[in-house]
């Protein structure tokens, strides 16, 4: 103690010099930046967290109400018509959803309407109440983006600060809806552009995601807990020489390639179903009617309602859910494919909600199936599929690696990273967010190396491009000369 006091006495003899050395203009700027963004972000994140808590409560209530009133499924086509007219009369630009928020961050334009949050909340609850297969992440992100945009107007922020606050809003919504604050922050800065991370928004995003998450907890809304069972390492011919299970890693890579291809299938199906149905139906409100009728028919065909709604809570004992997929026999062989069909039909025909929770379901059930094929631990491969299919569909392998650590613990962090990055590469230039920009192609010089956004990639492989190229001489010439439509690219 005497030594400590003597040091303080000596330092106090040089207060000006010490202050100059320890607190330069740079450090004052850092402190000012930290305080400013904490003050700006805190009320926004609290508002987002509260809205997300309300949304999660309403969603759970609606799903369990449908469990006890199964006849509501027959009204799904009418619910789709209601959603269509809600957006037609009140939604306007809000129907672009997450893509509108991402576009506003990339290139500010008309702004994110405040009505986006309430409208997506209501229409998502309607979708789930009547049995549509959708998620909740998209809703939470849109709630976050619309509230952030509203506060930005109130605070009179400039363009750059508005971009930062919108990114923080994405982080708060994502972190709050899944109870993963670190993942929420990384997701918000990684999802905007493939191959580039928006590090300047990391601090506001982390603050927002953390506050959003604890706000939901303060409202006593809880998240589903998942667990990877402890399994003894399986001995093989190199186990006595290597500190890691090389055979298990090979199995993870093989499974992760399948996860990435499944992400690709999901993203393509969503975009193509929208394109095909928009081409077929002149009267647009008939699209959700037709989509709802197909879902009802499929449910009768399969004979069980397992693939409706979120897929987290079981409607009856023995139902296939995300938690059940972590146990042997907890999923059917083709559960992942049925959920893919149900969800892409739901979202592609105009119903609302997110894609991520269905992607969790698809990945976990596919992991369950592959664990039997590859003779691998069931719960581990369900967890790997859970995060890897999501990583491939959103092009956010880093965020999904952190999600694995936050949800399942850090013991298998290496396997989480291998799974997410492998799936990311195998998903190609596809994704559920068409507004996602491409800064660095996944493979330099690859087939899609000329694209600047996923919307460009969708044009090249999509229904409209294939049809229009037959009749448009310029597109046909570009395709014959370069292998793709140069005139379709958006610079």
Protein backbone atom coordinates (compact mmCIF):
# COMPACT_ATOMS: atom_id res chain seq x y z
CA UNK A 1 0.00 0.00 0.00
CA UNK A 2 2.87 2.36 0.81
CA UNK A 3 4.47 1.66 -2.55
CA UNK A 4 1.17 2.41 -4.34
CA UNK A 5 0.77 5.72 -2.47
CA UNK A 6 4.32 6.79 -3.26
CA UNK A 7 3.71 6.13 -6.97
CA UNK A 8 0.58 8.28 -6.88
CA UNK A 9 2.48 11.11 -5.13
CA UNK A 10 5.21 11.07 -7.78
CA UNK A 11 2.69 11.00 -10.64
CA UNK A 12 0.77 13.90 -9.11
CA UNK A 13 3.86 16.09 -9.47
CA UNK A 14 3.40 15.99 -13.26
CA UNK A 15 -0.38 16.32 -13.77
CA UNK A 16 -0.26 18.23 -17.04
CA UNK A 17 2.30 15.99 -18.69
CA UNK A 18 0.54 12.83 -17.44
CA UNK A 19 -2.79 14.06 -18.77
CA UNK A 20 -1.22 14.85 -22.12
CA UNK A 21 0.41 11.41 -22.37
CA UNK A 22 -2.59 9.35 -21.24
CA UNK A 23 -5.39 11.34 -22.82
CA UNK A 24 -4.45 12.56 -26.26
CA UNK A 25 -6.96 14.07 -28.66
CA UNK A 26 -7.41 10.61 -30.15
CA UNK A 27 -8.43 9.12 -26.84
CA UNK A 28 -10.81 11.98 -26.10
CA UNK A 29 -12.37 11.30 -29.47
CA UNK A 30 -12.75 7.61 -28.61
CA UNK A 31 -14.42 8.40 -25.28
CA UNK A 32 -16.69 10.96 -26.95
CA UNK A 33 -17.60 8.44 -29.66
CA UNK A 34 -18.37 5.75 -27.08
CA UNK A 35 -20.56 8.02 -24.98
CA UNK A 36 -22.36 9.48 -27.98
CA UNK A 37 -23.30 6.15 -29.52
CA UNK A 38 -24.24 4.63 -26.20
CA UNK A 39 -26.64 7.51 -25.61
CA UNK A 40 -28.01 7.28 -29.17
CA UNK A 41 -28.33 3.51 -29.29
CA UNK A 42 -29.65 2.75 -25.79
CA UNK A 43 -33.20 4.12 -26.20
CA UNK A 44 -33.44 2.65 -29.71
CA UNK A 45 -32.37 -0.81 -28.49
CA UNK A 46 -34.75 -0.69 -25.51
CA UNK A 47 -37.64 0.15 -27.83
CA UNK A 48 -36.63 -2.62 -30.25
CA UNK A 49 -36.20 -5.15 -27.45
CA UNK A 50 -39.63 -4.30 -26.06
CA UNK A 51 -41.28 -4.64 -29.46
CA UNK A 52 -39.50 -7.94 -30.09
CA UNK A 53 -40.62 -9.22 -26.69
CA UNK A 54 -44.21 -8.33 -27.58
CA UNK A 55 -43.81 -10.02 -30.95
CA UNK A 56 -42.41 -13.23 -29.43
CA UNK A 57 -45.25 -13.37 -26.91
CA UNK A 58 -47.89 -12.81 -29.60
CA UNK A 59 -46.23 -15.38 -31.84
CA UNK A 60 -46.16 -18.07 -29.15
CA UNK A 61 -49.76 -17.32 -28.24
CA UNK A 62 -50.89 -17.54 -31.88
CA UNK A 63 -49.05 -20.82 -32.52
CA UNK A 64 -50.44 -22.52 -29.42
CA UNK A 65 -53.92 -21.22 -30.19
CA UNK A 66 -53.71 -22.90 -33.61
CA UNK A 67 -52.56 -26.13 -31.92
CA UNK A 68 -55.92 -26.30 -30.14
CA UNK A 69 -57.94 -24.97 -33.10
CA UNK A 70 -56.61 -26.98 -36.04
CA UNK A 71 -59.44 -25.81 -38.32
CA UNK A 72 -57.64 -22.46 -38.65
CA UNK A 73 -55.40 -24.04 -41.29
CA UNK A 74 -58.35 -24.10 -43.71
CA UNK A 75 -58.50 -20.30 -43.52
CA UNK A 76 -54.86 -19.90 -44.61
CA UNK A 77 -55.81 -18.79 -48.17
CA UNK A 78 -58.08 -16.06 -46.76
CA UNK A 79 -55.30 -15.00 -44.39
CA UNK A 80 -53.03 -14.65 -47.42
CA UNK A 81 -55.55 -12.38 -49.14
CA UNK A 82 -55.77 -10.26 -45.98
CA UNK A 83 -51.98 -9.92 -45.87
CA UNK A 84 -51.92 -8.97 -49.56
CA UNK A 85 -54.38 -6.13 -49.09
CA UNK A 86 -52.73 -4.91 -45.87
CA UNK A 87 -49.54 -4.32 -47.85
CA UNK A 88 -51.39 -2.99 -50.88
CA UNK A 89 -53.27 -0.38 -48.85
CA UNK A 90 -50.79 0.44 -46.09
CA UNK A 91 -47.50 -1.33 -46.73
CA UNK A 92 -46.30 0.21 -50.01
CA UNK A 93 -42.49 0.18 -49.97
CA UNK A 94 -42.45 -1.68 -46.63
CA UNK A 95 -43.12 -4.91 -48.52
CA UNK A 96 -39.46 -5.02 -49.59
CA UNK A 97 -38.70 -5.90 -45.98
CA UNK A 98 -35.11 -6.63 -45.03
CA UNK A 99 -33.91 -5.76 -48.52
CA UNK A 100 -35.25 -2.22 -48.13
CA UNK A 101 -33.25 -1.74 -44.92
CA UNK A 102 -30.09 -3.08 -46.57
CA UNK A 103 -30.63 -0.85 -49.61
CA UNK A 104 -30.99 2.18 -47.34
CA UNK A 105 -27.67 1.36 -45.68
CA UNK A 106 -25.95 0.92 -49.05
CA UNK A 107 -27.58 3.86 -50.84
CA UNK A 108 -29.93 6.06 -48.78
CA UNK A 109 -33.09 6.92 -50.67
CA UNK A 110 -36.69 7.32 -49.57
CA UNK A 111 -35.97 5.94 -46.12
CA UNK A 112 -37.41 3.10 -44.06
CA UNK A 113 -41.09 3.77 -43.23
CA UNK A 114 -42.08 3.68 -39.56
CA UNK A 115 -45.13 1.58 -40.46
CA UNK A 116 -42.87 -1.30 -41.53
CA UNK A 117 -42.50 -2.58 -37.94
CA UNK A 118 -46.18 -2.77 -36.96
CA UNK A 119 -47.24 -4.15 -40.35
CA UNK A 120 -44.68 -6.96 -40.41
CA UNK A 121 -45.48 -7.83 -36.79
CA UNK A 122 -49.22 -8.14 -37.53
CA UNK A 123 -48.82 -10.02 -40.81
CA UNK A 124 -46.27 -12.46 -39.36
CA UNK A 125 -48.60 -13.31 -36.48
CA UNK A 126 -51.43 -13.80 -39.01
CA UNK A 127 -49.22 -16.14 -41.06
CA UNK A 128 -48.41 -18.31 -38.05
CA UNK A 129 -51.92 -18.21 -36.61
CA UNK A 130 -53.26 -19.88 -39.74
CA UNK A 131 -50.39 -22.34 -40.21
CA UNK A 132 -47.98 -20.71 -42.65
CA UNK A 133 -44.41 -22.00 -42.46
CA UNK A 134 -42.21 -19.00 -41.76
CA UNK A 135 -39.74 -17.66 -39.23
CA UNK A 136 -39.28 -14.65 -37.01
CA UNK A 137 -35.84 -13.18 -37.77
CA UNK A 138 -37.09 -11.13 -40.73
CA UNK A 139 -39.80 -9.63 -38.57
CA UNK A 140 -37.38 -8.75 -35.77
CA UNK A 141 -34.90 -7.18 -38.19
CA UNK A 142 -37.64 -5.10 -39.83
CA UNK A 143 -38.88 -3.99 -36.41
CA UNK A 144 -35.32 -2.99 -35.58
CA UNK A 145 -34.78 -1.16 -38.85
CA UNK A 146 -38.05 0.77 -38.75
CA UNK A 147 -37.58 1.87 -35.12
CA UNK A 148 -33.97 2.87 -35.82
CA UNK A 149 -35.09 4.92 -38.84
CA UNK A 150 -37.77 6.62 -36.75
CA UNK A 151 -35.30 7.57 -34.01
CA UNK A 152 -32.88 8.78 -36.67
CA UNK A 153 -35.47 11.29 -37.85
CA UNK A 154 -36.17 12.38 -34.28
CA UNK A 155 -32.45 12.79 -33.59
CA UNK A 156 -31.96 14.58 -36.95
CA UNK A 157 -28.95 12.41 -37.80
CA UNK A 158 -26.96 12.82 -40.98
CA UNK A 159 -26.71 10.13 -43.67
CA UNK A 160 -23.66 8.35 -42.24
CA UNK A 161 -25.05 8.27 -38.71
CA UNK A 162 -28.39 7.02 -40.03
CA UNK A 163 -26.61 4.15 -41.75
CA UNK A 164 -24.88 3.35 -38.48
CA UNK A 165 -28.12 3.44 -36.51
CA UNK A 166 -29.90 1.22 -39.06
CA UNK A 167 -27.10 -1.32 -38.73
CA UNK A 168 -27.45 -1.15 -34.95
CA UNK A 169 -31.20 -1.67 -35.37
CA UNK A 170 -30.57 -4.88 -37.33
CA UNK A 171 -28.23 -6.06 -34.57
CA UNK A 172 -30.72 -5.26 -31.81
CA UNK A 173 -33.56 -7.06 -33.58
CA UNK A 174 -31.52 -10.15 -34.35
CA UNK A 175 -29.83 -10.38 -30.97
CA UNK A 176 -33.13 -9.87 -29.16
CA UNK A 177 -35.19 -12.42 -31.10
CA UNK A 178 -32.69 -15.28 -30.68
CA UNK A 179 -31.01 -14.35 -27.40
CA UNK A 180 -27.59 -14.17 -29.09
CA UNK A 181 -26.20 -10.64 -28.62
CA UNK A 182 -22.71 -11.30 -29.99
CA UNK A 183 -24.12 -13.06 -33.05
CA UNK A 184 -26.56 -10.19 -33.57
CA UNK A 185 -23.73 -7.67 -33.70
CA UNK A 186 -21.56 -9.73 -36.06
CA UNK A 187 -24.55 -10.59 -38.27
CA UNK A 188 -25.47 -6.92 -38.72
CA UNK A 189 -22.02 -5.92 -39.95
CA UNK A 190 -21.41 -9.08 -42.02
CA UNK A 191 -24.74 -9.54 -43.81
CA UNK A 192 -24.65 -6.29 -45.78
CA UNK A 193 -21.84 -7.20 -48.17
CA UNK A 194 -20.34 -10.56 -49.12
CA UNK A 195 -16.59 -10.45 -48.55
CA UNK A 196 -16.53 -7.25 -46.51
CA UNK A 197 -17.38 -6.54 -42.88
CA UNK A 198 -18.62 -3.11 -41.78
CA UNK A 199 -16.28 -2.72 -38.82
CA UNK A 200 -17.07 0.96 -38.27
CA UNK A 201 -20.52 -0.09 -37.01
CA UNK A 202 -19.25 -2.84 -34.70
CA UNK A 203 -19.44 -0.89 -31.45
CA UNK A 204 -22.96 0.55 -31.97
CA UNK A 205 -24.13 -2.87 -33.18
CA UNK A 206 -22.70 -4.64 -30.14
CA UNK A 207 -24.22 -2.11 -27.72
CA UNK A 208 -27.60 -2.34 -29.45
CA UNK A 209 -27.63 -6.13 -29.61
CA UNK A 210 -26.68 -6.46 -25.94
CA UNK A 211 -29.30 -3.96 -24.75
CA UNK A 212 -31.96 -5.49 -27.01
CA UNK A 213 -31.27 -8.95 -25.62
CA UNK A 214 -31.41 -7.93 -21.95
CA UNK A 215 -34.58 -5.93 -22.63
CA UNK A 216 -36.32 -9.08 -23.88
CA UNK A 217 -35.07 -10.94 -20.80
CA UNK A 218 -36.39 -8.13 -18.59
CA UNK A 219 -39.85 -8.74 -20.05
CA UNK A 220 -39.51 -12.41 -18.94
CA UNK A 221 -39.58 -13.75 -22.48
CA UNK A 222 -37.39 -16.82 -22.74
CA UNK A 223 -35.63 -18.56 -25.63
CA UNK A 224 -35.43 -22.25 -26.45
CA UNK A 225 -32.33 -23.94 -25.00
CA UNK A 226 -30.42 -26.50 -27.09
CA UNK A 227 -27.85 -29.03 -25.95
CA UNK A 228 -25.17 -31.14 -27.63
CA UNK A 229 -24.81 -34.50 -25.89
CA UNK A 230 -21.36 -35.52 -24.69
CA UNK A 231 -19.98 -38.35 -26.79
CA UNK A 232 -16.74 -40.28 -26.46
CA UNK A 233 -14.35 -39.92 -29.42
CA UNK A 234 -14.56 -42.89 -31.78
CA UNK A 235 -11.14 -44.56 -32.15
CA UNK A 236 -9.64 -44.93 -35.65
CA UNK A 237 -6.20 -45.71 -37.08
CA UNK A 238 -4.77 -42.19 -36.55
CA UNK A 239 -6.36 -41.44 -33.18
CA UNK A 240 -3.18 -42.40 -31.34
CA UNK A 241 -1.11 -39.86 -33.33
CA UNK A 242 -3.32 -36.79 -33.78
CA UNK A 243 -4.79 -34.51 -31.08
CA UNK A 244 -7.95 -34.03 -33.18
CA UNK A 245 -10.43 -36.47 -34.63
CA UNK A 246 -9.49 -36.20 -38.31
CA UNK A 247 -12.14 -38.70 -39.38
CA UNK A 248 -14.85 -36.62 -37.68
CA UNK A 249 -13.60 -33.48 -39.44
CA UNK A 250 -13.85 -35.25 -42.81
CA UNK A 251 -17.43 -36.24 -41.97
CA UNK A 252 -18.20 -32.63 -40.99
CA UNK A 253 -16.85 -31.33 -44.31
CA UNK A 254 -18.94 -33.82 -46.30
CA UNK A 255 -22.07 -32.96 -44.32
CA UNK A 256 -21.37 -29.24 -44.60
CA UNK A 257 -21.17 -29.45 -48.37
CA UNK A 258 -24.70 -30.90 -48.23
CA UNK A 259 -25.75 -28.09 -45.88
CA UNK A 260 -24.45 -25.51 -48.36
CA UNK A 261 -26.25 -27.12 -51.29
CA UNK A 262 -29.44 -27.13 -49.21
CA UNK A 263 -28.99 -23.40 -48.55
CA UNK A 264 -28.65 -22.91 -52.29
CA UNK A 265 -31.81 -24.93 -52.94
CA UNK A 266 -33.78 -22.91 -50.39
CA UNK A 267 -32.69 -19.51 -51.72
CA UNK A 268 -33.32 -20.46 -55.35
CA UNK A 269 -36.75 -21.92 -54.58
CA UNK A 270 -37.91 -18.78 -52.76
CA UNK A 271 -36.89 -16.50 -55.63
CA UNK A 272 -38.15 -18.82 -58.38
CA UNK A 273 -41.55 -19.47 -56.77
CA UNK A 274 -42.09 -15.71 -56.54
CA UNK A 275 -41.04 -15.21 -60.16
CA UNK A 276 -43.10 -18.07 -61.56
CA UNK A 277 -46.25 -17.20 -59.64
CA UNK A 278 -46.00 -13.53 -60.58
CA UNK A 279 -45.74 -14.61 -64.20
CA UNK A 280 -48.69 -17.02 -64.02
CA UNK A 281 -51.21 -14.96 -62.03
CA UNK A 282 -52.47 -11.68 -63.44
CA UNK A 283 -54.72 -11.13 -60.39
CA UNK A 284 -52.05 -10.96 -57.68
CA UNK A 285 -54.21 -11.69 -54.64
CA UNK A 286 -54.81 -15.15 -56.10
CA UNK A 287 -51.13 -15.99 -55.46
CA UNK A 288 -51.49 -16.39 -51.66
CA UNK A 289 -54.81 -18.19 -52.20
CA UNK A 290 -53.09 -20.76 -54.41
CA UNK A 291 -50.11 -21.00 -52.05
CA UNK A 292 -52.38 -21.58 -49.06
CA UNK A 293 -54.33 -24.29 -50.89
CA UNK A 294 -51.09 -26.11 -51.79
CA UNK A 295 -49.96 -26.06 -48.15
CA UNK A 296 -53.34 -27.44 -47.02
CA UNK A 297 -53.12 -30.16 -49.66
CA UNK A 298 -49.57 -31.11 -48.68
CA UNK A 299 -50.59 -31.38 -45.03
CA UNK A 300 -53.36 -33.80 -45.99
CA UNK A 301 -50.95 -35.72 -48.21
CA UNK A 302 -48.32 -36.11 -45.48
CA UNK A 303 -50.88 -36.72 -42.77
CA UNK A 304 -49.28 -34.58 -40.07
CA UNK A 305 -48.85 -30.85 -39.32
CA UNK A 306 -45.16 -30.99 -38.36
CA UNK A 307 -43.99 -28.63 -41.10
CA UNK A 308 -46.39 -25.78 -40.38
CA UNK A 309 -45.35 -22.60 -38.56
CA UNK A 310 -42.01 -22.31 -36.71
CA UNK A 311 -41.31 -25.95 -35.89
CA UNK A 312 -39.98 -25.19 -32.41
CA UNK A 313 -42.86 -26.33 -30.18
CA UNK A 314 -44.47 -29.73 -30.68
CA UNK A 315 -48.16 -29.80 -31.54
CA UNK A 316 -48.42 -33.41 -30.32
CA UNK A 317 -46.08 -35.94 -28.67
CA UNK A 318 -43.59 -37.29 -31.19
CA UNK A 319 -43.83 -34.36 -33.63
CA UNK A 320 -40.71 -33.48 -35.58
CA UNK A 321 -39.35 -30.20 -34.21
CA UNK A 322 -35.99 -28.48 -33.96
CA UNK A 323 -35.39 -29.77 -30.39
CA UNK A 324 -36.43 -33.32 -31.38
CA UNK A 325 -33.86 -33.30 -34.20
CA UNK A 326 -31.11 -33.33 -31.56
CA UNK A 327 -32.13 -36.85 -30.58
CA UNK A 328 -31.80 -40.11 -32.50
CA UNK A 329 -35.02 -40.79 -34.38
CA UNK A 330 -36.18 -37.22 -33.80
CA UNK A 331 -36.58 -36.47 -37.51
CA UNK A 332 -37.77 -38.31 -40.59
CA UNK A 333 -35.40 -38.88 -43.50
CA UNK A 334 -37.01 -36.19 -45.65
CA UNK A 335 -38.14 -33.75 -42.93
CA UNK A 336 -35.62 -31.18 -44.15
CA UNK A 337 -36.99 -31.32 -47.71
CA UNK A 338 -40.63 -31.05 -46.62
CA UNK A 339 -39.81 -28.02 -44.49
CA UNK A 340 -37.98 -26.48 -47.44
CA UNK A 341 -41.03 -26.95 -49.66
CA UNK A 342 -43.46 -25.63 -47.04
CA UNK A 343 -41.40 -22.54 -46.22
CA UNK A 344 -40.49 -21.55 -49.77
CA UNK A 345 -44.15 -21.91 -50.77
CA UNK A 346 -45.26 -19.81 -47.79
CA UNK A 347 -42.78 -16.99 -48.37
CA UNK A 348 -42.81 -17.22 -52.15
CA UNK A 349 -46.60 -16.77 -52.34
CA UNK A 350 -46.77 -13.63 -50.23
CA UNK A 351 -47.08 -14.71 -46.61
CA UNK A 352 -44.82 -12.93 -44.13
CA UNK A 353 -42.20 -13.86 -41.58
CA UNK A 354 -38.53 -14.67 -41.50
CA UNK A 355 -36.53 -17.45 -43.09
CA UNK A 356 -34.00 -18.19 -40.37
CA UNK A 357 -35.98 -20.39 -37.95
CA UNK A 358 -37.14 -22.63 -40.82
CA UNK A 359 -33.49 -22.77 -41.91
CA UNK A 360 -32.62 -23.91 -38.38
CA UNK A 361 -35.26 -26.62 -38.72
CA UNK A 362 -34.03 -27.67 -42.17
CA UNK A 363 -30.41 -27.78 -41.02
CA UNK A 364 -31.08 -29.62 -37.76
CA UNK A 365 -33.26 -32.30 -39.40
CA UNK A 366 -30.81 -32.72 -42.28
CA UNK A 367 -28.00 -33.05 -39.74
CA UNK A 368 -30.04 -35.70 -37.95
CA UNK A 369 -30.43 -37.65 -41.20
CA UNK A 370 -26.76 -37.30 -42.21
CA UNK A 371 -25.58 -38.43 -38.77
CA UNK A 372 -27.09 -41.82 -39.50
CA UNK A 373 -25.56 -41.99 -42.96
CA UNK A 374 -22.10 -40.95 -41.74
CA UNK A 375 -22.22 -42.76 -38.39
CA UNK A 376 -21.68 -39.48 -36.51
CA UNK A 377 -23.02 -38.00 -33.24
CA UNK A 378 -26.67 -37.02 -33.75
CA UNK A 379 -26.88 -33.90 -31.60
CA UNK A 380 -23.54 -32.57 -32.87
CA UNK A 381 -24.55 -32.88 -36.52
CA UNK A 382 -27.99 -31.43 -35.79
CA UNK A 383 -26.23 -28.42 -34.25
CA UNK A 384 -23.85 -28.13 -37.21
CA UNK A 385 -26.76 -28.22 -39.65
CA UNK A 386 -28.64 -25.71 -37.51
CA UNK A 387 -25.97 -23.05 -38.01
CA UNK A 388 -24.44 -24.12 -41.35
CA UNK A 389 -27.60 -24.01 -43.48
CA UNK A 390 -28.25 -20.56 -42.02
CA UNK A 391 -24.66 -19.52 -42.85
CA UNK A 392 -25.02 -20.62 -46.46
CA UNK A 393 -28.39 -18.97 -46.99
CA UNK A 394 -27.38 -15.61 -45.48
CA UNK A 395 -23.67 -15.63 -46.45
CA UNK A 396 -22.68 -14.92 -42.84
CA UNK A 397 -20.29 -17.73 -41.83
CA UNK A 398 -18.55 -15.71 -39.12
CA UNK A 399 -21.78 -14.71 -37.38
CA UNK A 400 -23.07 -18.28 -37.54
CA UNK A 401 -19.85 -19.61 -36.02
CA UNK A 402 -20.40 -17.27 -33.08
CA UNK A 403 -24.04 -18.38 -32.95
CA UNK A 404 -22.89 -21.96 -32.51
CA UNK A 405 -20.68 -20.91 -29.61
CA UNK A 406 -23.43 -18.83 -27.98
CA UNK A 407 -26.11 -21.50 -28.32
CA UNK A 408 -24.13 -24.72 -27.87
CA UNK A 409 -20.93 -23.74 -26.05
CA UNK A 410 -17.35 -23.40 -27.24
CA UNK A 411 -16.24 -27.02 -27.06
CA UNK A 412 -16.88 -27.61 -30.77
CA UNK A 413 -15.94 -24.13 -32.01
CA UNK A 414 -13.54 -25.51 -34.65
CA UNK A 415 -16.22 -27.78 -36.08
CA UNK A 416 -18.70 -24.88 -36.08
CA UNK A 417 -16.28 -22.80 -38.14
CA UNK A 418 -15.54 -25.64 -40.57
CA UNK A 419 -19.24 -26.30 -41.07
CA UNK A 420 -20.23 -22.65 -41.56
CA UNK A 421 -17.45 -21.70 -43.94
CA UNK A 422 -17.80 -24.90 -45.99
CA UNK A 423 -21.56 -24.36 -46.33
CA UNK A 424 -20.90 -20.71 -47.21
CA UNK A 425 -18.74 -21.71 -50.18
CA UNK A 426 -21.03 -24.48 -51.39
CA UNK A 427 -24.09 -22.21 -51.37
CA UNK A 428 -22.54 -20.28 -54.27
CA UNK A 429 -23.65 -16.76 -55.16
CA UNK A 430 -27.11 -17.31 -53.76
CA UNK A 431 -28.88 -16.07 -50.66
CA UNK A 432 -32.19 -15.06 -49.17
CA UNK A 433 -31.33 -11.32 -49.29
CA UNK A 434 -31.24 -10.07 -52.87
CA UNK A 435 -29.98 -6.63 -51.71
CA UNK A 436 -26.78 -8.20 -50.42
CA UNK A 437 -23.81 -6.69 -52.25
CA UNK A 438 -20.78 -8.66 -53.45
CA UNK A 439 -17.47 -7.00 -52.60
CA UNK A 440 -15.28 -10.07 -53.02
CA UNK A 441 -16.56 -13.14 -54.93
CA UNK A 442 -16.35 -16.42 -53.04
CA UNK A 443 -14.24 -17.82 -55.86
CA UNK A 444 -12.22 -15.34 -57.93
CA UNK A 445 -12.81 -15.84 -61.62
CA UNK A 446 -15.78 -18.07 -60.94
CA UNK A 447 -19.01 -18.26 -62.91
CA UNK A 448 -20.61 -15.43 -60.93
CA UNK A 449 -17.49 -13.28 -60.53
CA UNK A 450 -19.03 -10.42 -62.53
CA UNK A 451 -21.97 -9.79 -60.20
CA UNK A 452 -22.20 -6.78 -57.89
CA UNK A 453 -25.17 -8.03 -55.85
CA UNK A 454 -27.22 -11.17 -55.38
CA UNK A 455 -29.99 -9.61 -57.44
CA UNK A 456 -27.59 -9.75 -60.42
CA UNK A 457 -26.92 -13.42 -59.77
CA UNK A 458 -30.64 -14.10 -59.51
CA UNK A 459 -31.19 -12.44 -62.89
CA UNK A 460 -28.65 -14.70 -64.52
CA UNK A 461 -30.04 -17.94 -63.23
CA UNK A 462 -33.67 -16.97 -62.73
CA UNK A 463 -36.93 -17.69 -64.50
CA UNK A 464 -37.26 -14.28 -66.13
CA UNK A 465 -33.72 -14.26 -67.46
CA UNK A 466 -34.10 -17.71 -68.99
CA UNK A 467 -37.39 -16.72 -70.65
CA UNK A 468 -36.46 -13.21 -71.73
CA UNK A 469 -33.12 -14.31 -73.16
CA UNK A 470 -35.00 -16.27 -75.81
CA UNK A 471 -36.54 -13.07 -77.16
CA UNK A 472 -34.06 -10.30 -76.32
CA UNK A 473 -31.26 -10.19 -78.94
CA UNK A 474 -28.81 -8.30 -76.68
CA UNK A 475 -29.17 -10.79 -73.83
CA UNK A 476 -28.81 -13.70 -76.23
CA UNK A 477 -25.71 -12.11 -77.79
CA UNK A 478 -24.14 -11.48 -74.37
CA UNK A 479 -24.92 -15.02 -73.28
CA UNK A 480 -23.38 -16.52 -76.43
CA UNK A 481 -20.29 -14.26 -76.25
CA UNK A 482 -19.55 -13.99 -72.53
CA UNK A 483 -21.62 -16.71 -70.94
CA UNK A 484 -23.73 -14.17 -69.05
CA UNK A 485 -25.75 -10.98 -69.61
CA UNK A 486 -23.35 -8.04 -69.31
CA UNK A 487 -26.17 -5.58 -69.98
CA UNK A 488 -28.10 -7.00 -67.01
CA UNK A 489 -25.40 -6.06 -64.52
CA UNK A 490 -26.12 -3.14 -62.20
CA UNK A 491 -23.01 -1.08 -61.54
